[in-house]
């Protein structure tokens, strides 16, 4: 008897693990970028909490909104597992969002907290599953 046959539960477990890995990668890169941006909103650094109408405050808000939008992937990751007919579109969206975060994070590539995984191409993050 061949004990290597999949009982059917292995694929579900692999999909759950892959989804968790994708979400964790997005969380780590988002946390890294947020940690760089958040101090810039501090009044001690001359900011009006980023709510001023000067160009610097506007740029800070734009950067934060971009990061927040690109990091909102939990619904996409869920659809990836539950709607196979949407897999290609979902993967394209995840790849795009990763590329946005990757580009932003690489602005701090020389920071000691920058992780090598932040350089990963989107197909390595999404397509490796």
Protein backbone atom coordinates (compact mmCIF):
# COMPACT_ATOMS: atom_id res chain seq x y z
CA UNK A 1 0.00 0.00 0.00
CA UNK A 2 1.30 3.44 -0.93
CA UNK A 3 1.29 5.68 2.14
CA UNK A 4 2.40 8.70 0.13
CA UNK A 5 -1.04 9.31 -1.38
CA UNK A 6 -2.67 12.57 -0.43
CA UNK A 7 -5.76 12.10 1.69
CA UNK A 8 -7.19 15.34 0.34
CA UNK A 9 -6.42 17.29 3.49
CA UNK A 10 -2.84 18.04 2.46
CA UNK A 11 -3.87 20.41 -0.31
CA UNK A 12 -6.10 22.40 2.05
CA UNK A 13 -3.31 22.55 4.63
CA UNK A 14 -0.82 23.70 1.97
CA UNK A 15 -3.24 26.38 0.77
CA UNK A 16 -3.77 27.61 4.34
CA UNK A 17 -0.03 27.68 4.92
CA UNK A 18 0.58 29.53 1.65
CA UNK A 19 -2.12 32.10 2.46
CA UNK A 20 -0.65 32.61 5.92
CA UNK A 21 2.85 33.04 4.44
CA UNK A 22 1.64 35.66 1.95
CA UNK A 23 -0.23 37.59 4.64
CA UNK A 24 2.80 37.45 6.97
CA UNK A 25 5.13 38.75 4.26
CA UNK A 26 2.76 41.64 3.57
CA UNK A 27 2.50 42.34 7.32
CA UNK A 28 6.30 42.41 7.77
CA UNK A 29 6.96 44.77 4.87
CA UNK A 30 4.05 47.01 5.89
CA UNK A 31 5.25 47.16 9.49
CA UNK A 32 8.73 48.08 8.27
CA UNK A 33 7.47 50.94 6.09
CA UNK A 34 5.02 52.19 8.74
CA UNK A 35 7.87 52.27 11.26
CA UNK A 36 9.76 54.59 8.88
CA UNK A 37 6.76 56.84 8.14
CA UNK A 38 5.16 57.18 11.59
CA UNK A 39 7.93 59.30 13.17
CA UNK A 40 7.61 61.76 10.30
CA UNK A 41 4.11 62.64 11.53
CA UNK A 42 5.43 63.60 14.98
CA UNK A 43 5.20 67.32 15.83
CA UNK A 44 8.68 67.02 17.38
CA UNK A 45 9.91 66.61 13.82
CA UNK A 46 8.15 69.77 12.70
CA UNK A 47 4.99 68.02 11.48
CA UNK A 48 1.43 69.07 12.14
CA UNK A 49 0.71 65.32 12.51
CA UNK A 50 0.81 65.24 8.72
CA UNK A 51 -2.46 67.16 8.54
CA UNK A 52 -1.05 70.44 7.34
CA UNK A 53 -1.75 71.66 3.83
CA UNK A 54 1.92 72.11 2.97
CA UNK A 55 3.41 69.86 0.30
CA UNK A 56 5.42 67.82 2.81
CA UNK A 57 2.31 66.93 4.83
CA UNK A 58 0.45 66.05 1.66
CA UNK A 59 3.31 63.83 0.52
CA UNK A 60 3.39 62.08 3.89
CA UNK A 61 -0.34 61.40 3.73
CA UNK A 62 -0.07 60.18 0.16
CA UNK A 63 2.74 57.80 1.09
CA UNK A 64 0.84 56.45 4.10
CA UNK A 65 -2.40 55.99 2.13
CA UNK A 66 -0.50 54.19 -0.62
CA UNK A 67 1.06 51.81 1.88
CA UNK A 68 -2.24 51.21 3.65
CA UNK A 69 -4.05 50.48 0.38
CA UNK A 70 -1.32 48.18 -0.91
CA UNK A 71 -1.19 46.25 2.36
CA UNK A 72 -4.93 45.52 2.51
CA UNK A 73 -4.68 42.02 1.05
CA UNK A 74 -6.50 39.69 3.44
CA UNK A 75 -9.63 39.61 1.28
CA UNK A 76 -7.53 38.91 -1.79
CA UNK A 77 -5.66 36.09 -0.09
CA UNK A 78 -8.97 34.59 1.01
CA UNK A 79 -10.39 34.81 -2.55
CA UNK A 80 -7.26 33.12 -3.84
CA UNK A 81 -8.21 29.99 -1.90
CA UNK A 82 -12.00 30.11 -2.25
CA UNK A 83 -12.49 31.28 -5.84
CA UNK A 84 -10.18 29.36 -8.18
CA UNK A 85 -11.82 30.96 -11.20
CA UNK A 86 -10.46 34.32 -9.99
CA UNK A 87 -6.97 33.05 -9.19
CA UNK A 88 -5.21 34.79 -12.08
CA UNK A 89 -6.82 38.16 -11.35
CA UNK A 90 -6.24 37.83 -7.61
CA UNK A 91 -2.60 36.89 -8.16
CA UNK A 92 -2.13 39.92 -10.42
CA UNK A 93 -3.60 42.19 -7.74
CA UNK A 94 -1.39 40.65 -5.04
CA UNK A 95 1.67 40.98 -7.27
CA UNK A 96 0.88 44.62 -7.97
CA UNK A 97 0.37 45.40 -4.27
CA UNK A 98 3.64 43.64 -3.36
CA UNK A 99 5.51 45.61 -6.02
CA UNK A 100 4.16 48.89 -4.59
CA UNK A 101 5.25 47.98 -1.06
CA UNK A 102 8.57 46.64 -2.29
CA UNK A 103 9.33 49.89 -4.11
CA UNK A 104 8.50 51.97 -1.05
CA UNK A 105 10.45 49.74 1.35
CA UNK A 106 13.53 49.83 -0.84
CA UNK A 107 13.82 53.57 -0.16
CA UNK A 108 15.22 52.40 3.20
CA UNK A 109 17.30 49.53 1.86
CA UNK A 110 20.26 50.73 3.94
CA UNK A 111 18.22 50.65 7.19
CA UNK A 112 19.34 47.97 9.67
CA UNK A 113 15.78 46.60 9.93
CA UNK A 114 15.46 46.13 6.17
CA UNK A 115 15.01 42.42 5.44
CA UNK A 116 16.33 40.69 2.35
CA UNK A 117 12.80 39.33 1.72
CA UNK A 118 11.66 42.89 0.97
CA UNK A 119 13.67 42.65 -2.25
CA UNK A 120 11.74 39.57 -3.40
CA UNK A 121 9.99 39.87 -6.71
CA UNK A 122 6.23 39.52 -6.62
CA UNK A 123 6.30 36.15 -8.36
CA UNK A 124 8.51 34.86 -5.54
CA UNK A 125 6.01 36.04 -2.94
CA UNK A 126 2.79 35.07 -4.70
CA UNK A 127 3.86 32.56 -7.32
CA UNK A 128 5.91 30.35 -5.04
CA UNK A 129 2.74 28.87 -3.59
